[in-house]
Amino acid sequence: MEAILPTTTIRIEEGLKARISAAAERAGKSSHAFILDALSETLDRVEMDNAFHQIADERWADILRTGKVVEWADAETYLQARAAGRKARKPAARKLVP
């Protein structure tokens, strides 16, 4: 037995509706499934963007609070070593020099 889902109505101009229909057909989906996928992908992207900005805000607040940063050259060396599968010592944070 399938759950009964609520319905939401959206108004779509004819040109966009035709484009959705054509794209959905090429993707082997119904227009409904195509729209749901598009909404889900957009929502995922917005949520990831918001999470990214939250992390950036927290890190910026930490820099302002502690005054400590890792220099890019040190971080780059560390990341390149790790990407190549080599062990590397994490760079030490230093006081920010304006």
C-alpha atoms as a PDB file:
ATOM      1  CA  MET A   1       0.000   0.000   0.000  1.00  0.00           C
ATOM      2  CA  GLU A   2       1.461   3.339  -1.081  1.00  0.00           C
ATOM      3  CA  ALA A   3       1.427   6.384   1.160  1.00  0.00           C
ATOM      4  CA  ILE A   4      -0.739   9.258   0.011  1.00  0.00           C
ATOM      5  CA  LEU A   5       1.499  12.229  -0.630  1.00  0.00           C
ATOM      6  CA  PRO A   6       0.378  15.843  -0.422  1.00  0.00           C
ATOM      7  CA  THR A   7       0.060  17.781  -3.657  1.00  0.00           C
ATOM      8  CA  THR A   8       1.664  21.114  -4.467  1.00  0.00           C
ATOM      9  CA  THR A   9       0.642  23.082  -7.520  1.00  0.00           C
ATOM     10  CA  ILE A  10       3.119  25.196  -9.441  1.00  0.00           C
ATOM     11  CA  ARG A  11       2.413  27.359 -12.435  1.00  0.00           C
ATOM     12  CA  ILE A  12       4.884  26.940 -15.268  1.00  0.00           C
ATOM     13  CA  GLU A  13       4.871  28.975 -18.438  1.00  0.00           C
ATOM     14  CA  GLU A  14       4.330  26.940 -21.610  1.00  0.00           C
ATOM     15  CA  GLY A  15       7.871  27.389 -22.954  1.00  0.00           C
ATOM     16  CA  LEU A  16       9.455  26.076 -19.749  1.00  0.00           C
ATOM     17  CA  LYS A  17       6.915  23.265 -19.537  1.00  0.00           C
ATOM     18  CA  ALA A  18       7.819  22.176 -23.085  1.00  0.00           C
ATOM     19  CA  ARG A  19      11.540  22.260 -22.257  1.00  0.00           C
ATOM     20  CA  ILE A  20      10.951  20.175 -19.117  1.00  0.00           C
ATOM     21  CA  SER A  21       8.884  17.675 -21.061  1.00  0.00           C
ATOM     22  CA  ALA A  22      11.535  17.322 -23.763  1.00  0.00           C
ATOM     23  CA  ALA A  23      14.386  17.009 -21.258  1.00  0.00           C
ATOM     24  CA  ALA A  24      12.446  14.489 -19.182  1.00  0.00           C
ATOM     25  CA  GLU A  25      11.751  12.396 -22.267  1.00  0.00           C
ATOM     26  CA  ARG A  26      15.457  12.419 -23.214  1.00  0.00           C
ATOM     27  CA  ALA A  27      16.282  11.352 -19.638  1.00  0.00           C
ATOM     28  CA  GLY A  28      13.717   8.554 -19.775  1.00  0.00           C
ATOM     29  CA  LYS A  29      11.639  10.071 -16.985  1.00  0.00           C
ATOM     30  CA  SER A  30       8.207  11.532 -16.544  1.00  0.00           C
ATOM     31  CA  SER A  31       7.989  15.305 -16.261  1.00  0.00           C
ATOM     32  CA  HIS A  32       6.927  14.801 -12.639  1.00  0.00           C
ATOM     33  CA  ALA A  33      10.012  12.700 -11.825  1.00  0.00           C
ATOM     34  CA  PHE A  34      12.244  15.158 -13.691  1.00  0.00           C
ATOM     35  CA  ILE A  35      10.880  18.116 -11.691  1.00  0.00           C
ATOM     36  CA  LEU A  36      11.236  16.232  -8.390  1.00  0.00           C
ATOM     37  CA  ASP A  37      14.863  15.377  -9.240  1.00  0.00           C
ATOM     38  CA  ALA A  38      15.590  19.000 -10.155  1.00  0.00           C
ATOM     39  CA  LEU A  39      14.055  20.237  -6.913  1.00  0.00           C
ATOM     40  CA  SER A  40      15.972  17.674  -4.873  1.00  0.00           C
ATOM     41  CA  GLU A  41      19.306  18.516  -6.557  1.00  0.00           C
ATOM     42  CA  THR A  42      18.743  22.242  -6.050  1.00  0.00           C
ATOM     43  CA  LEU A  43      17.824  21.718  -2.407  1.00  0.00           C
ATOM     44  CA  ASP A  44      20.922  19.551  -1.859  1.00  0.00           C
ATOM     45  CA  ARG A  45      23.133  22.253  -3.414  1.00  0.00           C
ATOM     46  CA  VAL A  46      21.578  25.030  -1.314  1.00  0.00           C
ATOM     47  CA  GLU A  47      21.945  22.990   1.873  1.00  0.00           C
ATOM     48  CA  MET A  48      25.597  22.205   1.068  1.00  0.00           C
ATOM     49  CA  ASP A  49      26.267  25.882   0.321  1.00  0.00           C
ATOM     50  CA  ASN A  50      24.699  26.862   3.632  1.00  0.00           C
ATOM     51  CA  ALA A  51      26.765  24.258   5.504  1.00  0.00           C
ATOM     52  CA  PHE A  52      29.926  25.492   3.754  1.00  0.00           C
ATOM     53  CA  HIS A  53      29.196  29.096   4.747  1.00  0.00           C
ATOM     54  CA  GLN A  54      28.457  28.022   8.330  1.00  0.00           C
ATOM     55  CA  ILE A  55      31.836  26.270   8.546  1.00  0.00           C
ATOM     56  CA  ALA A  56      33.576  29.295   6.995  1.00  0.00           C
ATOM     57  CA  ASP A  57      31.895  31.643   9.481  1.00  0.00           C
ATOM     58  CA  GLU A  58      32.926  29.418  12.404  1.00  0.00           C
ATOM     59  CA  ARG A  59      36.514  29.239  11.178  1.00  0.00           C
ATOM     60  CA  TRP A  60      36.687  32.997  10.613  1.00  0.00           C
ATOM     61  CA  ALA A  61      35.362  33.559  14.147  1.00  0.00           C
ATOM     62  CA  ASP A  62      38.062  31.192  15.437  1.00  0.00           C
ATOM     63  CA  ILE A  63      40.753  33.168  13.575  1.00  0.00           C
ATOM     64  CA  LEU A  64      39.436  36.408  15.041  1.00  0.00           C
ATOM     65  CA  ARG A  65      39.295  34.872  18.526  1.00  0.00           C
ATOM     66  CA  THR A  66      42.728  33.214  18.526  1.00  0.00           C
ATOM     67  CA  GLY A  67      44.597  35.267  15.937  1.00  0.00           C
ATOM     68  CA  LYS A  68      46.128  32.025  14.645  1.00  0.00           C
ATOM     69  CA  VAL A  69      46.311  30.855  11.049  1.00  0.00           C
ATOM     70  CA  VAL A  70      48.186  28.310   8.958  1.00  0.00           C
ATOM     71  CA  GLU A  71      50.203  29.849   6.144  1.00  0.00           C
ATOM     72  CA  TRP A  72      49.086  28.740   2.691  1.00  0.00           C
ATOM     73  CA  ALA A  73      52.556  27.526   1.661  1.00  0.00           C
ATOM     74  CA  ASP A  74      52.662  25.226   4.702  1.00  0.00           C
ATOM     75  CA  ALA A  75      49.121  23.981   4.092  1.00  0.00           C
ATOM     76  CA  GLU A  76      49.848  23.397   0.393  1.00  0.00           C
ATOM     77  CA  THR A  77      52.952  21.338   1.161  1.00  0.00           C
ATOM     78  CA  TYR A  78      50.998  19.265   3.670  1.00  0.00           C
ATOM     79  CA  LEU A  79      48.064  18.691   1.304  1.00  0.00           C
ATOM     80  CA  GLN A  80      50.306  17.744  -1.623  1.00  0.00           C
ATOM     81  CA  ALA A  81      52.135  15.193   0.514  1.00  0.00           C
ATOM     82  CA  ARG A  82      48.869  13.700   1.773  1.00  0.00           C
ATOM     83  CA  ALA A  83      47.412  13.581  -1.747  1.00  0.00           C
ATOM     84  CA  ALA A  84      50.517  11.685  -2.889  1.00  0.00           C
ATOM     85  CA  GLY A  85      50.012   9.171  -0.064  1.00  0.00           C
ATOM     86  CA  ARG A  86      52.977  10.349   1.986  1.00  0.00           C
ATOM     87  CA  LYS A  87      52.877  10.952   5.701  1.00  0.00           C
ATOM     88  CA  ALA A  88      53.160  14.594   6.596  1.00  0.00           C
ATOM     89  CA  ARG A  89      53.211  16.604   9.776  1.00  0.00           C
ATOM     90  CA  LYS A  90      50.285  18.975  10.096  1.00  0.00           C
ATOM     91  CA  PRO A  91      51.440  22.575   9.800  1.00  0.00           C
ATOM     92  CA  ALA A  92      51.474  24.565  13.007  1.00  0.00           C
ATOM     93  CA  ALA A  93      49.158  27.544  13.411  1.00  0.00           C
ATOM     94  CA  ARG A  94      50.893  30.867  13.911  1.00  0.00           C
ATOM     95  CA  LYS A  95      49.771  34.317  14.976  1.00  0.00           C
ATOM     96  CA  LEU A  96      48.321  36.260  12.094  1.00  0.00           C
ATOM     97  CA  VAL A  97      50.653  39.042  10.988  1.00  0.00           C
ATOM     98  CA  PRO A  98      48.632  41.875   9.409  1.00  0.00           C
END
